[in-house]
N, C-alpha and C. Protein backbone atom coordinates (compact mmCIF):
# COMPACT_ATOMS: atom_id res chain seq x y z
N MET A 1 0.88 -1.18 -0.03
CA MET A 1 0.11 0.04 -0.09
C MET A 1 1.02 1.12 -0.13
N ASN A 2 0.71 2.10 -0.66
CA ASN A 2 1.50 3.35 -1.18
C ASN A 2 0.40 4.50 -0.81
N ASN A 3 0.63 5.37 0.18
CA ASN A 3 -0.25 6.89 0.49
C ASN A 3 0.73 7.99 -0.66
N MET A 4 -0.94 8.01 -1.09
CA MET A 4 -0.77 8.86 -2.67
C MET A 4 -0.53 10.36 -2.56
N GLY A 5 -1.35 10.67 -0.93
CA GLY A 5 -1.62 11.86 -1.23
C GLY A 5 -2.77 12.01 -0.73
N LYS A 6 -3.33 13.37 -0.76
CA LYS A 6 -4.87 14.12 -0.08
C LYS A 6 -5.28 14.53 -1.10
N ILE A 7 -6.43 13.81 -1.40
CA ILE A 7 -7.61 14.74 -2.19
C ILE A 7 -8.43 15.43 -1.61
N LYS A 8 -9.01 16.39 -1.87
CA LYS A 8 -9.76 17.51 -1.49
C LYS A 8 -11.39 17.00 -1.88
N ILE A 9 -12.20 16.55 -0.95
CA ILE A 9 -13.51 16.56 -1.30
C ILE A 9 -14.15 17.53 -0.96
N LEU A 10 -14.82 18.50 -1.20
CA LEU A 10 -15.36 19.87 -0.40
C LEU A 10 -14.47 20.52 0.40
N ASP A 11 -14.65 20.41 1.39
CA ASP A 11 -14.14 21.04 2.98
C ASP A 11 -13.15 19.85 3.26
N THR A 12 -13.41 18.89 3.01
CA THR A 12 -12.48 17.64 3.94
C THR A 12 -11.36 16.56 3.29
N PHE A 13 -10.05 16.35 3.73
CA PHE A 13 -9.34 16.01 3.01
C PHE A 13 -9.38 14.20 3.30
N TYR A 14 -9.45 13.52 2.34
CA TYR A 14 -9.31 12.25 1.64
C TYR A 14 -7.91 11.51 1.76
N THR A 15 -7.10 10.75 2.43
CA THR A 15 -6.07 10.34 1.95
C THR A 15 -6.06 9.09 1.01
N LEU A 16 -5.52 9.12 -0.30
CA LEU A 16 -5.69 8.17 -0.96
C LEU A 16 -4.45 7.11 -0.94
N TYR A 17 -4.67 5.98 -1.11
CA TYR A 17 -3.82 4.60 -0.66
C TYR A 17 -4.07 4.14 -2.29
N LEU A 18 -3.15 3.44 -2.73
CA LEU A 18 -2.93 2.43 -3.70
C LEU A 18 -2.19 1.18 -3.60
N TRP A 19 -2.90 0.65 -4.19
CA TRP A 19 -2.90 -1.19 -3.78
C TRP A 19 -2.05 -1.61 -4.91
N LYS A 20 -0.89 -2.23 -4.66
CA LYS A 20 -0.55 -2.94 -5.60
C LYS A 20 -0.35 -4.74 -5.80
N ASN A 21 -1.26 -5.32 -4.46
CA ASN A 21 -1.41 -6.40 -4.19
C ASN A 21 -2.78 -6.80 -3.98
N PHE A 22 -3.20 -7.57 -4.65
CA PHE A 22 -4.53 -7.50 -5.01
C PHE A 22 -5.34 -7.93 -3.70
N GLU A 23 -4.72 -9.20 -3.05
CA GLU A 23 -4.80 -10.11 -1.82
C GLU A 23 -4.98 -9.29 -0.62
N GLU A 24 -4.08 -8.00 -0.69
CA GLU A 24 -3.59 -7.20 0.54
C GLU A 24 -4.63 -6.60 0.14
N LEU A 25 -5.59 -6.13 -0.33
CA LEU A 25 -6.27 -5.18 -0.22
C LEU A 25 -7.62 -5.69 -0.09
N GLN A 26 -7.82 -7.19 -0.60
CA GLN A 26 -8.93 -7.78 0.25
C GLN A 26 -9.22 -7.80 1.59
N GLU A 27 -7.80 -8.20 2.06
CA GLU A 27 -7.69 -9.21 3.43
C GLU A 27 -7.89 -7.53 3.83
N PHE A 28 -7.14 -6.04 3.69
CA PHE A 28 -7.30 -5.09 4.71
C PHE A 28 -8.59 -4.36 4.81
N ALA A 29 -9.47 -4.56 3.50
CA ALA A 29 -11.05 -4.23 3.46
C ALA A 29 -11.62 -5.19 4.57
N ASN A 30 -11.41 -6.34 4.65
CA ASN A 30 -12.06 -7.46 5.89
C ASN A 30 -11.53 -6.94 6.97
N LYS A 31 -10.28 -6.62 6.86
CA LYS A 31 -10.30 -6.44 8.36
C LYS A 31 -11.04 -4.59 8.83
N ARG A 32 -11.31 -4.34 8.12
CA ARG A 32 -11.31 -2.71 8.43
C ARG A 32 -12.79 -2.81 8.66
N ASN A 33 -13.67 -3.36 7.66
CA ASN A 33 -15.20 -3.38 7.83
C ASN A 33 -15.15 -4.19 6.84
N SER A 34 -16.01 -5.42 7.78
CA SER A 34 -16.76 -6.45 6.46
C SER A 34 -17.49 -5.96 5.38
N ARG A 35 -18.83 -4.91 5.68
CA ARG A 35 -19.11 -4.81 4.59
C ARG A 35 -18.64 -3.97 3.43
N TYR A 36 -17.56 -3.89 3.38
CA TYR A 36 -16.73 -3.89 1.85
C TYR A 36 -16.47 -5.20 0.91
N LEU A 37 -16.64 -6.14 1.62
CA LEU A 37 -16.28 -7.13 0.93
C LEU A 37 -17.91 -7.76 0.57
N HIS A 38 -18.98 -7.31 1.22
CA HIS A 38 -19.79 -8.32 1.30
C HIS A 38 -21.23 -7.06 0.86
N LYS A 39 -20.62 -6.23 -0.26
CA LYS A 39 -22.20 -5.56 -0.97
C LYS A 39 -22.34 -6.38 -2.24
N ASN A 40 -21.58 -7.15 -2.61
CA ASN A 40 -22.09 -7.70 -3.65
C ASN A 40 -21.68 -9.37 -3.09
N GLU A 41 -22.22 -9.75 -2.68
CA GLU A 41 -22.13 -10.98 -2.23
C GLU A 41 -20.82 -11.65 -2.24
N GLY A 42 -19.78 -11.13 -1.51
CA GLY A 42 -18.56 -11.37 -1.15
C GLY A 42 -17.78 -11.31 -2.56
N ASP A 43 -17.98 -10.84 -3.35
CA ASP A 43 -17.56 -10.47 -4.62
C ASP A 43 -15.94 -9.71 -4.13
N PRO A 44 -14.97 -9.90 -4.67
CA PRO A 44 -13.87 -8.88 -4.54
C PRO A 44 -13.96 -7.78 -5.27
N ILE A 45 -13.18 -6.82 -4.44
CA ILE A 45 -13.33 -4.94 -4.74
C ILE A 45 -11.99 -4.80 -5.39
N ASP A 46 -12.40 -3.53 -6.04
CA ASP A 46 -11.19 -2.92 -6.74
C ASP A 46 -10.57 -1.86 -5.95
N GLY A 47 -11.68 -1.38 -5.28
CA GLY A 47 -11.43 -0.28 -4.15
C GLY A 47 -12.66 -0.03 -3.14
N PHE A 48 -12.20 1.05 -1.95
CA PHE A 48 -13.28 1.42 -1.55
C PHE A 48 -12.92 2.60 -0.71
N CYS A 49 -13.71 3.32 -0.43
CA CYS A 49 -14.08 4.64 0.39
C CYS A 49 -14.37 4.19 1.63
N ASP A 50 -13.35 4.48 2.69
CA ASP A 50 -13.91 4.82 3.91
C ASP A 50 -14.53 6.07 4.70
N VAL A 51 -15.47 6.70 4.62
CA VAL A 51 -15.74 7.82 5.24
C VAL A 51 -15.46 8.00 6.09
N LEU A 52 -15.37 6.98 7.43
CA LEU A 52 -15.55 7.62 8.65
C LEU A 52 -13.96 7.90 8.89
N SER A 53 -12.99 7.30 8.42
CA SER A 53 -11.45 7.25 8.43
C SER A 53 -10.69 8.43 7.40
N LYS A 54 -11.79 9.03 6.18
CA LYS A 54 -11.60 9.59 5.42
C LYS A 54 -9.95 9.32 4.23
N GLU A 55 -10.54 7.81 4.22
CA GLU A 55 -9.49 7.23 3.46
C GLU A 55 -10.03 6.65 1.99
N ILE A 56 -9.39 6.85 1.00
CA ILE A 56 -10.06 5.96 -0.56
C ILE A 56 -8.45 4.97 -0.79
N HIS A 57 -9.01 3.50 -0.74
CA HIS A 57 -8.20 2.67 -1.49
C HIS A 57 -8.45 2.09 -2.76
N VAL A 58 -7.56 2.01 -3.56
CA VAL A 58 -7.62 1.75 -5.09
C VAL A 58 -6.85 0.45 -5.09
N PHE A 59 -7.13 -0.36 -5.96
CA PHE A 59 -6.21 -1.28 -6.38
C PHE A 59 -5.94 -0.90 -7.67
N THR A 60 -4.48 -1.28 -8.29
CA THR A 60 -4.10 -0.67 -9.31
C THR A 60 -2.38 -1.65 -9.24
N ASP A 61 -2.41 -2.15 -10.45
CA ASP A 61 -0.69 -2.51 -10.74
C ASP A 61 -0.54 -2.17 -12.16
N ASP A 62 0.95 -2.57 -12.39
CA ASP A 62 1.13 -2.57 -13.64
C ASP A 62 0.61 -3.11 -15.25
N TYR A 63 -0.69 -4.52 -14.70
CA TYR A 63 -1.39 -4.81 -15.63
C TYR A 63 -2.75 -4.43 -15.64
N THR A 64 -3.00 -3.39 -14.69
CA THR A 64 -4.30 -2.37 -14.59
C THR A 64 -4.69 -1.31 -15.68
N HIS A 65 -5.38 -1.97 -16.47
CA HIS A 65 -6.01 -0.67 -17.67
C HIS A 65 -6.39 0.48 -17.06
N PRO A 66 -5.13 1.49 -17.68
CA PRO A 66 -5.84 3.10 -17.01
C PRO A 66 -7.44 3.18 -16.86
N ALA A 67 -7.94 2.76 -17.93
CA ALA A 67 -9.43 3.06 -17.85
C ALA A 67 -10.35 2.60 -16.82
N TYR A 68 -10.14 1.12 -16.45
CA TYR A 68 -10.42 1.02 -15.32
C TYR A 68 -10.00 1.49 -14.28
N PHE A 69 -8.86 1.38 -14.04
CA PHE A 69 -8.02 2.09 -12.99
C PHE A 69 -9.01 3.67 -12.48
N ASP A 70 -9.21 4.35 -13.51
CA ASP A 70 -9.87 5.92 -13.78
C ASP A 70 -11.04 5.41 -12.78
N THR A 71 -12.04 4.33 -13.91
CA THR A 71 -13.46 4.30 -13.34
C THR A 71 -13.43 3.78 -11.92
N THR A 72 -12.80 3.16 -11.61
CA THR A 72 -12.41 2.55 -10.09
C THR A 72 -12.50 3.90 -8.87
N LEU A 73 -11.51 4.89 -9.31
CA LEU A 73 -11.10 6.16 -8.41
C LEU A 73 -12.28 7.11 -8.66
N ARG A 74 -13.07 6.96 -9.53
CA ARG A 74 -14.21 7.72 -9.90
C ARG A 74 -15.07 7.38 -9.07
N HIS A 75 -15.62 6.26 -8.84
CA HIS A 75 -16.27 5.85 -8.43
C HIS A 75 -16.31 6.04 -6.81
N GLU A 76 -15.09 5.70 -6.33
CA GLU A 76 -14.51 5.85 -5.11
C GLU A 76 -14.87 7.40 -4.56
N ILE A 77 -13.95 8.33 -5.20
CA ILE A 77 -14.63 9.63 -4.70
C ILE A 77 -16.04 10.07 -5.11
N ALA A 78 -16.71 9.80 -5.98
CA ALA A 78 -18.17 9.40 -5.70
C ALA A 78 -18.68 9.51 -4.19
N HIS A 79 -18.60 8.15 -4.00
CA HIS A 79 -19.26 8.04 -2.32
C HIS A 79 -18.65 8.95 -1.73
N ALA A 80 -17.17 9.52 -1.75
CA ALA A 80 -17.34 10.51 -0.35
C ALA A 80 -17.77 11.82 -1.22
N TYR A 81 -17.72 12.05 -2.12
CA TYR A 81 -18.58 13.30 -2.61
C TYR A 81 -20.15 13.22 -2.25
N LEU A 82 -20.92 12.46 -2.45
CA LEU A 82 -22.17 12.07 -1.84
C LEU A 82 -22.23 11.99 -0.19
N TYR A 83 -21.23 11.56 0.53
CA TYR A 83 -21.17 11.41 1.77
C TYR A 83 -21.12 12.85 2.77
N GLU A 84 -20.14 13.65 2.01
CA GLU A 84 -19.62 15.01 2.32
C GLU A 84 -20.81 15.94 2.35
N VAL A 85 -21.72 15.44 1.27
CA VAL A 85 -22.85 16.17 0.95
C VAL A 85 -24.17 16.16 1.87
N ALA A 86 -24.19 15.17 2.61
CA ALA A 86 -24.91 14.31 3.57
C ALA A 86 -26.25 14.01 2.67
N TYR A 87 -25.39 13.14 1.50
CA TYR A 87 -26.49 12.27 0.81
C TYR A 87 -26.98 10.90 1.55
N ALA A 88 -27.97 10.89 1.89
CA ALA A 88 -28.30 9.40 2.59
C ALA A 88 -27.77 7.94 2.00
N HIS A 89 -27.76 8.35 0.40
CA HIS A 89 -27.70 6.81 -0.05
C HIS A 89 -26.17 7.17 -0.60
N TYR A 90 -25.40 7.79 0.03
CA TYR A 90 -23.82 7.62 -0.61
C TYR A 90 -23.65 6.34 -0.74
N ASP A 91 -23.89 4.99 -0.45
CA ASP A 91 -23.29 3.71 -0.67
C ASP A 91 -24.27 2.83 -1.65
N ASP A 92 -25.10 4.01 -1.96
CA ASP A 92 -25.85 3.12 -3.29
C ASP A 92 -24.96 2.52 -4.46
N GLU A 93 -24.79 1.28 -4.42
CA GLU A 93 -23.47 1.01 -5.95
C GLU A 93 -23.99 1.42 -7.33
N GLU A 94 -25.30 1.37 -7.46
CA GLU A 94 -25.89 1.59 -8.66
C GLU A 94 -25.82 2.80 -9.07
N LEU A 95 -25.98 3.72 -7.59
CA LEU A 95 -25.80 5.20 -8.65
C LEU A 95 -24.55 5.59 -8.59
N ILE A 96 -23.76 5.14 -7.45
CA ILE A 96 -22.30 5.51 -7.66
C ILE A 96 -21.43 5.01 -8.96
N ASP A 97 -21.95 4.12 -9.56
CA ASP A 97 -21.72 3.55 -10.61
C ASP A 97 -21.79 4.67 -11.92
N LYS A 98 -23.08 4.67 -11.84
CA LYS A 98 -23.52 5.36 -12.67
C LYS A 98 -22.91 6.94 -12.29
N ILE A 99 -22.41 7.75 -11.55
CA ILE A 99 -22.03 9.03 -11.61
C ILE A 99 -20.53 8.90 -12.06
N ALA A 100 -19.91 7.77 -11.66
CA ALA A 100 -18.51 7.72 -12.06
C ALA A 100 -18.29 7.13 -13.70
N LYS A 101 -19.50 6.72 -14.16
CA LYS A 101 -19.38 6.41 -15.70
C LYS A 101 -19.92 7.86 -16.23
N TRP A 102 -20.84 8.84 -16.03
CA TRP A 102 -21.37 9.99 -16.68
C TRP A 102 -20.20 10.79 -16.34
N THR A 103 -19.26 10.71 -15.31
CA THR A 103 -18.33 12.59 -15.18
C THR A 103 -17.69 12.84 -16.05
N PRO A 104 -16.92 11.95 -16.99
CA PRO A 104 -16.12 12.36 -17.94
C PRO A 104 -16.57 12.56 -19.13
N LYS A 105 -17.99 12.23 -19.47
CA LYS A 105 -19.19 12.93 -20.32
C LYS A 105 -19.29 14.34 -20.04
N ILE A 106 -19.65 14.41 -18.29
CA ILE A 106 -19.89 15.71 -17.87
C ILE A 106 -19.18 16.66 -18.17
N MET A 107 -17.75 16.37 -17.55
CA MET A 107 -16.80 17.17 -18.08
C MET A 107 -16.25 17.68 -19.27
N GLU A 108 -16.71 16.90 -20.49
CA GLU A 108 -16.52 17.16 -21.83
C GLU A 108 -17.53 18.05 -22.28
N ILE A 109 -18.69 17.92 -22.25
CA ILE A 109 -19.77 18.89 -22.28
C ILE A 109 -19.05 19.84 -21.83
N TYR A 110 -19.38 20.31 -20.26
CA TYR A 110 -18.84 21.28 -19.60
C TYR A 110 -17.59 21.95 -20.56
N GLU A 111 -16.49 21.23 -20.57
CA GLU A 111 -15.61 22.21 -21.22
C GLU A 111 -15.85 22.88 -22.39
N PHE A 112 -16.52 21.69 -23.50
CA PHE A 112 -16.95 22.52 -24.62
C PHE A 112 -18.15 24.05 -24.42
N GLY A 113 -18.77 23.66 -23.59
CA GLY A 113 -19.85 24.77 -22.96
C GLY A 113 -18.92 26.03 -22.69
N LYS A 114 -18.04 25.71 -21.79
CA LYS A 114 -17.65 26.86 -21.65
C LYS A 114 -16.62 27.75 -22.52
N GLY A 115 -15.82 26.55 -23.50
CA GLY A 115 -15.35 27.19 -24.92
C GLY A 115 -15.96 28.05 -25.56
N LEU A 116 -17.39 27.44 -25.51
CA LEU A 116 -18.44 28.51 -26.52
C LEU A 116 -18.40 29.69 -25.59
N ILE A 117 -18.90 29.79 -24.56
CA ILE A 117 -18.97 30.71 -23.90
C ILE A 117 -17.81 31.69 -23.82
N TYR A 118 -16.67 31.15 -23.41
CA TYR A 118 -15.62 32.18 -23.88
C TYR A 118 -15.23 32.56 -25.14
N ASN A 119 -15.60 31.80 -25.94
CA ASN A 119 -15.62 32.50 -27.37
C ASN A 119 -16.27 33.58 -27.74
N ALA A 120 -17.91 33.42 -27.61
CA ALA A 120 -18.90 34.28 -27.64
C ALA A 120 -18.73 35.90 -27.33
N ARG A 121 -17.79 35.65 -25.67
CA ARG A 121 -17.85 36.68 -24.50
C ARG A 121 -16.37 37.33 -25.70
N THR A 122 -15.59 37.02 -26.29
CA THR A 122 -14.49 37.26 -26.56
C THR A 122 -14.37 37.71 -28.18
N GLU A 123 -14.91 37.27 -29.15
CA GLU A 123 -15.66 37.90 -30.14
C GLU A 123 -15.39 38.90 -30.46
N LYS A 124 -15.08 39.56 -31.62
CA LYS A 124 -14.90 40.68 -31.95
C LYS A 124 -15.93 40.97 -33.14
N GLU A 125 -16.57 42.19 -33.19
CA GLU A 125 -17.55 41.85 -34.20
C GLU A 125 -17.24 42.88 -34.96
């Protein structure tokens, strides 16, 4: 496990940990809180967000596809955001998966719209 630094979620800092050993992450999550491993009937996990200790743990190694790692990280960050805004269902996995999937597209559209606005405001007539 490597401590990769802090991520600011609203006004709260979460420590990001990257795991290169999949089995060790599973064992750590199970020791920390068995609910992390039993969300999907004991399926293994690629990451988890511990909102009480303000930690995000994500598995990645030299073989993990960057897009898969990105999705997992966005998923865990979404848990933290929803918790920090006091959304009662911050642990709704279906909702979190959707947010993680939509985030890149939302940001792409946002950047495009921001560019249109900037261009419209600076256009010379």
